[in-house]
Amino acid sequence: MLIDLATYASGGSDLKAFMDYVVTHVSAALEIDHVKVLRYRSDRNDLLLEAGIGWAPGVVGSAAFATDMASPVGRAFQTGQPVKIDDFSTAPDFRASEVLRTHGIVSLLNVPVSIDGAVWGVIEVDSTVLRGFTADTLQFMHAVAALVGMAIRRMQDMASGETLATDRTRELLKRDLMLREMQHRVKNNFQVILGMVQLRKPSLPVQAGRDAMDQIANGIMAMSLAHDQLSPSRSGEMLELGAYLKALTAAFVATMERILIEVKSDEVNVTIEQALPLGLIVNELITNSIKHAFGPDGGAIRVELHAPSRQGFATLIVADNGRGLGQARTDGSGLKLIDALAAQARAELIRSDAGKGTSTQLRFVPRG
């Protein structure tokens, strides 16, 4: 089967047909009913089910999966390491998505698909009966993932070659390729760090330490996401802050059931150096609200980004309708971190806590 797949990967030009070929033949080779290939979408910070077999009508091409560390496919994507769950009922660190629950999936194996060292997406096999995936199965799936990555890269190069019609196009493509290479290198570094964090977490003796590791992992993922949002610019490495914030909050939305997160944003372009601390602030504020602001009935969090006024200031607001932080939390380490990040972003920070919700406002001049 691998020889046939390698032949197809080296000669085909239709990516969708190739993906369909992959899932069909993996299903047959492993005698498993459910297989899927998921592609990462940086603008939405999710993993789209790009191709699959065994899934209900309408799932392939539309179902999306979260990229946080509690999502099995998300952890494989973020760390660049395979994720194997022989029995979901004995895997408390993981969350089964709605798609997995409705299809009765109890065992799964995720293997990342990489291009030039950075993860493009994930190929996953799922079982409705308990199944222990062997070392041979894992080795087989690694080989499949490598061939998928090779085919995608080859087809991308073919598409790039067809656009080299003018000097201007060649210059833009060259810059885009340089940026993509840099993003791949940075992504690979983040994956290595996340893998180290994940390895250390189970050995910590207390829950507080494991929670701290989760916070560190969330911050690393927020920084990684910022680099995903970069686009070529004459004035340097720029990203559109509103798109970044929407992608950042999407990871929270995918994991919350009773908490609504709404994002309203004007278009504000900033450098990566300014976007990183602002993104980390939003990440920290949303995490604080989810942990401390709401009761069992949940609530709402609002993120607003307003374009610069005539004086050049942009305004970023993160507010919730919860119980407020309270006096006991006004000097916590999380708030000190936010203060330090605001200084790094050269932002004026204004807090409001009236007991009926908490609001944090940042005023800054976009640097670009």
Protein backbone atom coordinates (compact mmCIF):
# COMPACT_ATOMS: atom_id res chain seq x y z
CA MET A 1 0.00 0.00 0.00
CA LEU A 2 2.83 2.42 0.87
CA ILE A 3 4.44 1.83 -2.54
CA ASP A 4 1.15 2.68 -4.28
CA LEU A 5 0.75 5.78 -2.10
CA ALA A 6 4.32 6.90 -2.84
CA THR A 7 3.71 6.50 -6.56
CA TYR A 8 0.53 8.59 -6.35
CA ALA A 9 2.26 11.20 -4.15
CA SER A 10 5.09 11.66 -6.63
CA GLY A 11 2.92 11.99 -9.74
CA GLY A 12 -0.54 13.32 -8.91
CA SER A 13 -1.59 16.95 -9.19
CA ASP A 14 -5.10 16.91 -7.64
CA LEU A 15 -4.71 17.34 -3.87
CA LYS A 16 -8.33 16.51 -3.04
CA ALA A 17 -8.23 13.29 -5.07
CA PHE A 18 -4.94 12.37 -3.38
CA MET A 19 -6.41 12.93 0.10
CA ASP A 20 -9.44 10.78 -0.75
CA TYR A 21 -7.05 8.09 -1.97
CA VAL A 22 -5.10 8.26 1.29
CA VAL A 23 -8.06 7.87 3.67
CA THR A 24 -9.59 5.05 1.61
CA HIS A 25 -6.40 3.01 1.49
CA VAL A 26 -5.45 3.64 5.14
CA SER A 27 -8.92 2.44 6.14
CA ALA A 28 -8.45 -0.76 4.13
CA ALA A 29 -4.86 -1.37 5.29
CA LEU A 30 -5.67 -1.02 8.99
CA GLU A 31 -9.18 -2.50 8.75
CA ILE A 32 -10.61 0.55 10.49
CA ASP A 33 -13.83 2.35 9.57
CA HIS A 34 -12.98 5.98 10.38
CA VAL A 35 -10.01 7.91 8.96
CA LYS A 36 -9.57 11.64 8.48
CA VAL A 37 -7.02 14.19 7.31
CA LEU A 38 -7.20 17.58 9.01
CA ARG A 39 -5.66 20.82 7.73
CA TYR A 40 -4.70 23.68 10.03
CA ARG A 41 -6.35 27.04 9.29
CA SER A 42 -4.36 29.87 10.84
CA ASP A 43 -7.08 32.47 10.27
CA ARG A 44 -9.51 30.43 12.41
CA ASN A 45 -7.01 28.61 14.61
CA ASP A 46 -8.69 25.27 14.02
CA LEU A 47 -8.22 22.01 12.15
CA LEU A 48 -10.61 21.41 9.26
CA LEU A 49 -11.63 17.86 8.36
CA GLU A 50 -10.36 18.05 4.80
CA ALA A 51 -10.83 14.42 3.75
CA GLY A 52 -12.30 11.40 5.47
CA ILE A 53 -14.04 8.07 5.29
CA GLY A 54 -16.67 6.61 7.61
CA TRP A 55 -18.12 9.95 8.73
CA ALA A 56 -21.75 11.06 8.50
CA PRO A 57 -22.83 13.13 5.49
CA GLY A 58 -21.83 16.79 5.81
CA VAL A 59 -18.96 16.19 8.24
CA VAL A 60 -16.12 16.05 5.70
CA GLY A 61 -15.28 19.55 4.50
CA SER A 62 -17.14 21.34 7.28
CA ALA A 63 -16.30 19.88 10.71
CA ALA A 64 -13.53 21.73 12.55
CA PHE A 65 -11.58 20.70 15.63
CA ALA A 66 -9.97 22.74 18.40
CA THR A 67 -6.21 23.15 18.62
CA ASP A 68 -5.84 23.29 22.41
CA MET A 69 -3.93 20.65 24.37
CA ALA A 70 -7.09 18.89 25.62
CA SER A 71 -8.07 18.15 22.03
CA PRO A 72 -6.25 14.98 20.89
CA VAL A 73 -5.80 16.28 17.35
CA GLY A 74 -4.88 19.71 18.74
CA ARG A 75 -2.14 18.27 20.94
CA ALA A 76 -0.67 16.34 18.00
CA PHE A 77 -0.67 19.55 15.96
CA GLN A 78 0.79 21.77 18.67
CA THR A 79 3.55 19.42 19.82
CA GLY A 80 4.36 17.74 16.50
CA GLN A 81 4.13 14.39 18.30
CA PRO A 82 1.70 11.47 17.81
CA VAL A 83 -1.21 11.15 20.23
CA LYS A 84 -2.54 7.66 20.98
CA ILE A 85 -5.65 7.00 23.06
CA ASP A 86 -6.50 3.34 23.51
CA ASP A 87 -9.54 4.08 25.69
CA PHE A 88 -11.12 7.52 26.00
CA SER A 89 -12.69 6.59 29.34
CA THR A 90 -9.21 6.32 30.88
CA ALA A 91 -7.82 9.52 29.33
CA PRO A 92 -9.03 12.35 31.63
CA ASP A 93 -6.60 14.90 30.16
CA PHE A 94 -8.40 14.76 26.81
CA ARG A 95 -11.77 16.06 25.63
CA ALA A 96 -13.80 14.17 23.02
CA SER A 97 -15.23 16.46 20.36
CA GLU A 98 -18.88 16.36 19.36
CA VAL A 99 -17.94 14.60 16.13
CA LEU A 100 -16.14 11.83 18.01
CA ARG A 101 -18.97 11.43 20.53
CA THR A 102 -21.73 11.21 17.94
CA HIS A 103 -19.79 8.58 15.99
CA GLY A 104 -19.04 6.53 19.09
CA ILE A 105 -15.24 6.79 18.85
CA VAL A 106 -13.47 5.19 21.83
CA SER A 107 -9.90 4.72 20.53
CA LEU A 108 -7.80 6.87 18.20
CA LEU A 109 -4.34 7.57 16.88
CA ASN A 110 -3.21 10.99 15.63
CA VAL A 111 0.00 11.52 13.65
CA PRO A 112 1.10 15.02 12.55
CA VAL A 113 1.73 15.79 8.89
CA SER A 114 4.79 18.03 8.54
CA ILE A 115 6.22 20.14 5.74
CA ASP A 116 9.79 21.42 6.17
CA GLY A 117 9.68 20.62 9.88
CA ALA A 118 6.45 22.50 10.64
CA VAL A 119 3.13 20.75 11.15
CA TRP A 120 0.65 21.28 8.28
CA GLY A 121 -2.11 19.18 9.81
CA VAL A 122 -2.90 15.75 11.21
CA ILE A 123 -3.95 12.34 9.91
CA GLU A 124 -6.12 10.41 12.36
CA VAL A 125 -7.57 6.90 12.57
CA ASP A 126 -10.56 6.30 14.87
CA SER A 127 -12.18 3.13 16.20
CA THR A 128 -15.66 2.50 17.61
CA VAL A 129 -14.30 -0.51 19.54
CA LEU A 130 -11.44 -0.53 22.02
CA ARG A 131 -8.23 -0.92 20.10
CA GLY A 132 -4.61 -0.87 21.17
CA PHE A 133 -2.60 0.67 18.35
CA THR A 134 0.68 -1.23 17.99
CA ALA A 135 4.16 0.10 17.30
CA ASP A 136 3.84 -1.28 13.77
CA THR A 137 0.63 0.71 13.26
CA LEU A 138 2.33 3.87 14.52
CA GLN A 139 5.28 3.29 12.19
CA PHE A 140 2.91 2.75 9.27
CA MET A 141 1.03 5.98 10.05
CA HIS A 142 4.30 7.92 10.30
CA ALA A 143 5.18 6.69 6.81
CA VAL A 144 1.76 7.71 5.49
CA ALA A 145 2.06 11.15 7.09
CA ALA A 146 5.52 11.62 5.53
CA LEU A 147 4.18 10.77 2.08
CA VAL A 148 1.22 13.12 2.54
CA GLY A 149 3.58 15.95 3.53
CA MET A 150 5.81 15.23 0.53
CA ALA A 151 2.83 15.30 -1.85
CA ILE A 152 1.47 18.55 -0.44
CA ARG A 153 4.87 20.25 -0.70
CA ARG A 154 5.33 19.05 -4.28
CA MET A 155 1.89 20.30 -5.31
CA GLN A 156 2.52 23.65 -3.59
CA ASP A 157 5.79 24.01 -5.50
CA MET A 158 4.01 23.18 -8.75
CA ALA A 159 1.38 25.83 -8.09
CA SER A 160 4.09 28.38 -7.22
CA GLY A 161 5.99 27.63 -10.43
CA GLU A 162 2.90 28.27 -12.52
CA THR A 163 2.60 31.81 -11.11
CA LEU A 164 6.11 32.97 -12.05
CA ALA A 165 4.88 35.06 -14.96
CA THR A 166 6.29 38.49 -14.13
CA ASP A 167 9.17 40.03 -12.22
CA ARG A 168 6.71 41.48 -9.72
CA THR A 169 5.11 38.11 -9.15
CA ARG A 170 8.51 36.47 -8.72
CA GLU A 171 9.51 39.07 -6.13
CA LEU A 172 6.29 38.63 -4.17
CA LEU A 173 6.61 34.87 -4.31
CA LYS A 174 10.21 35.02 -3.12
CA ARG A 175 9.22 37.14 -0.12
CA ASP A 176 6.30 34.85 0.61
CA LEU A 177 8.55 31.78 0.49
CA MET A 178 11.09 33.42 2.79
CA LEU A 179 8.34 34.29 5.27
CA ARG A 180 6.91 30.79 5.09
CA GLU A 181 10.33 29.29 5.77
CA MET A 182 10.77 31.57 8.78
CA GLN A 183 7.29 30.65 10.05
CA HIS A 184 8.12 26.96 9.69
CA ARG A 185 11.33 27.35 11.67
CA VAL A 186 9.59 29.29 14.44
CA LYS A 187 6.68 26.83 14.51
CA ASN A 188 9.08 23.94 14.87
CA ASN A 189 10.77 25.64 17.84
CA PHE A 190 7.43 26.20 19.55
CA GLN A 191 6.48 22.56 18.99
CA VAL A 192 9.70 21.40 20.64
CA ILE A 193 9.02 23.59 23.69
CA LEU A 194 5.39 22.46 23.93
CA GLY A 195 6.52 18.86 23.72
CA MET A 196 8.91 19.45 26.65
CA VAL A 197 6.14 21.11 28.70
CA GLN A 198 3.80 18.22 28.00
CA LEU A 199 6.41 15.65 29.03
CA ARG A 200 7.10 17.42 32.33
CA LYS A 201 3.48 18.04 33.31
CA PRO A 202 2.53 14.49 34.48
CA SER A 203 5.57 14.30 36.78
CA LEU A 204 4.54 17.35 38.82
CA PRO A 205 3.26 16.28 42.27
CA VAL A 206 0.53 18.88 42.76
CA GLN A 207 -2.36 20.14 40.61
CA ALA A 208 -1.24 23.75 41.01
CA GLY A 209 2.00 22.91 39.21
CA ARG A 210 0.14 21.15 36.41
CA ASP A 211 -2.19 24.15 36.07
CA ALA A 212 0.85 26.43 35.81
CA MET A 213 2.20 24.22 33.02
CA ASP A 214 -1.13 24.58 31.21
CA GLN A 215 -0.86 28.37 31.45
CA ILE A 216 2.65 28.25 30.04
CA ALA A 217 1.45 26.05 27.19
CA ASN A 218 -1.41 28.48 26.44
CA GLY A 219 1.05 31.36 26.25
CA ILE A 220 3.35 29.44 23.91
CA MET A 221 0.41 28.59 21.64
CA ALA A 222 -0.66 32.27 21.59
CA MET A 223 2.84 33.28 20.47
CA SER A 224 2.94 30.53 17.86
CA LEU A 225 -0.41 31.68 16.51
CA ALA A 226 0.86 35.24 16.12
CA HIS A 227 3.63 34.02 13.81
CA ASP A 228 1.02 32.09 11.80
CA GLN A 229 -0.77 35.38 11.15
CA LEU A 230 2.25 37.16 9.66
CA SER A 231 2.04 38.44 6.10
CA PRO A 232 4.70 39.98 3.83
CA SER A 233 4.91 43.76 3.91
CA ARG A 234 7.21 46.42 2.54
CA SER A 235 7.52 47.82 6.04
CA GLY A 236 8.46 44.54 7.72
CA GLU A 237 6.73 41.62 9.41
CA MET A 238 3.14 42.75 9.98
CA LEU A 239 -0.09 41.15 11.06
CA GLU A 240 -3.67 42.33 11.21
CA LEU A 241 -4.41 42.46 14.94
CA GLY A 242 -8.17 41.92 14.64
CA ALA A 243 -7.72 38.69 12.67
CA TYR A 244 -5.17 37.50 15.23
CA LEU A 245 -7.53 38.16 18.14
CA LYS A 246 -10.39 36.34 16.40
CA ALA A 247 -8.16 33.33 15.79
CA LEU A 248 -6.87 33.50 19.37
CA THR A 249 -10.35 33.52 20.91
CA ALA A 250 -11.53 30.72 18.60
CA ALA A 251 -9.56 28.22 20.69
CA PHE A 252 -11.52 29.28 23.80
CA VAL A 253 -14.86 29.22 21.99
CA ALA A 254 -14.27 25.63 20.89
CA THR A 255 -13.87 24.48 24.50
CA MET A 256 -16.58 26.51 26.28
CA GLU A 257 -20.21 25.37 26.57
CA ARG A 258 -21.87 28.06 28.70
CA ILE A 259 -19.56 31.00 28.09
CA LEU A 260 -20.10 33.20 25.02
CA ILE A 261 -17.09 35.05 23.61
CA GLU A 262 -17.86 37.83 21.14
CA VAL A 263 -15.20 39.65 19.12
CA LYS A 264 -15.78 42.95 17.32
CA SER A 265 -12.80 44.40 15.52
CA ASP A 266 -11.74 47.15 13.20
CA GLU A 267 -8.68 46.57 11.02
CA VAL A 268 -5.47 47.49 12.83
CA ASN A 269 -2.05 46.49 11.46
CA VAL A 270 0.79 46.09 13.94
CA THR A 271 4.26 44.58 14.10
CA ILE A 272 4.81 41.11 15.54
CA GLU A 273 6.67 42.73 18.47
CA GLN A 274 3.56 44.65 19.49
CA ALA A 275 1.05 41.91 18.65
CA LEU A 276 2.69 39.31 20.90
CA PRO A 277 2.22 41.11 24.26
CA LEU A 278 -1.28 42.26 23.27
CA GLY A 279 -2.25 38.71 22.36
CA LEU A 280 -0.83 37.37 25.61
CA ILE A 281 -2.80 40.00 27.55
CA VAL A 282 -6.05 38.95 25.86
CA ASN A 283 -5.19 35.30 26.48
CA GLU A 284 -4.59 35.99 30.19
CA LEU A 285 -7.71 38.13 30.63
CA ILE A 286 -10.01 35.58 29.01
CA THR A 287 -8.45 32.79 31.08
CA ASN A 288 -9.00 34.83 34.28
CA SER A 289 -12.64 35.48 33.40
CA ILE A 290 -13.32 31.83 32.60
CA LYS A 291 -11.73 30.70 35.87
CA HIS A 292 -13.02 33.34 38.29
CA ALA A 293 -15.85 35.46 36.87
CA PHE A 294 -18.70 33.04 36.30
CA GLY A 295 -20.89 30.62 38.18
CA PRO A 296 -22.45 27.41 36.87
CA ASP A 297 -24.76 29.38 34.57
CA GLY A 298 -21.82 30.82 32.65
CA GLY A 299 -21.76 34.28 31.12
CA ALA A 300 -20.31 36.37 28.33
CA ILE A 301 -16.93 37.85 27.43
CA ARG A 302 -16.58 40.73 25.00
CA VAL A 303 -13.41 41.59 23.03
CA GLU A 304 -13.40 44.85 21.07
CA LEU A 305 -10.67 46.45 18.98
CA HIS A 306 -11.23 49.98 17.71
CA ALA A 307 -9.14 51.56 14.99
CA PRO A 308 -6.87 54.50 15.76
CA SER A 309 -8.50 57.84 16.43
CA ARG A 310 -7.25 61.08 14.93
CA GLN A 311 -4.62 61.17 17.66
CA GLY A 312 -3.34 57.78 16.55
CA PHE A 313 -4.55 55.68 19.49
CA ALA A 314 -6.20 52.28 19.09
CA THR A 315 -8.31 50.82 21.89
CA LEU A 316 -8.52 47.18 22.94
CA ILE A 317 -11.22 46.16 25.44
CA VAL A 318 -11.75 42.81 27.17
CA ALA A 319 -14.83 42.73 29.42
CA ASP A 320 -17.04 40.12 31.09
CA ASN A 321 -20.42 40.23 32.84
CA GLY A 322 -19.34 38.05 35.76
CA ARG A 323 -18.95 38.60 39.48
CA GLY A 324 -15.82 40.74 39.25
CA LEU A 325 -12.30 39.91 40.38
CA GLY A 326 -12.77 41.05 43.95
CA GLN A 327 -10.23 42.66 46.27
CA ALA A 328 -8.51 39.35 46.95
CA ARG A 329 -7.27 39.03 43.37
CA THR A 330 -6.19 42.58 42.62
CA ASP A 331 -2.51 41.85 43.31
CA GLY A 332 -2.29 38.36 41.80
CA SER A 333 0.58 37.19 39.63
CA GLY A 334 -1.71 37.13 36.56
CA LEU A 335 -2.44 40.84 36.88
CA LYS A 336 1.24 41.63 37.41
CA LEU A 337 1.99 39.75 34.20
CA ILE A 338 -0.63 41.82 32.38
CA ASP A 339 0.94 45.04 33.69
CA ALA A 340 4.37 43.95 32.44
CA LEU A 341 3.01 42.97 29.02
CA ALA A 342 1.14 46.27 28.70
CA ALA A 343 4.39 48.12 29.32
CA GLN A 344 6.08 46.00 26.67
CA ALA A 345 3.34 46.91 24.16
CA ARG A 346 3.57 50.58 25.22
CA ALA A 347 -0.11 50.49 26.11
CA GLU A 348 -1.98 52.49 28.74
CA LEU A 349 -3.97 50.04 30.87
CA ILE A 350 -7.26 50.95 32.59
CA ARG A 351 -9.14 48.43 34.78
CA SER A 352 -12.72 48.62 35.95
CA ASP A 353 -14.23 46.23 38.50
CA ALA A 354 -17.62 47.31 39.81
CA GLY A 355 -18.72 43.90 41.10
CA LYS A 356 -20.96 43.36 38.07
CA GLY A 357 -18.22 42.40 35.70
CA THR A 358 -14.64 43.25 34.93
CA SER A 359 -13.37 45.41 32.09
CA THR A 360 -9.80 46.02 30.99
CA GLN A 361 -9.00 48.69 28.41
CA LEU A 362 -5.70 49.20 26.63
CA ARG A 363 -4.89 52.33 24.61
CA PHE A 364 -1.87 52.11 22.33
CA VAL A 365 -0.41 53.58 19.16
CA PRO A 366 -0.05 50.85 16.50
CA ARG A 367 3.56 50.42 15.45
CA GLY A 368 4.09 49.48 11.85
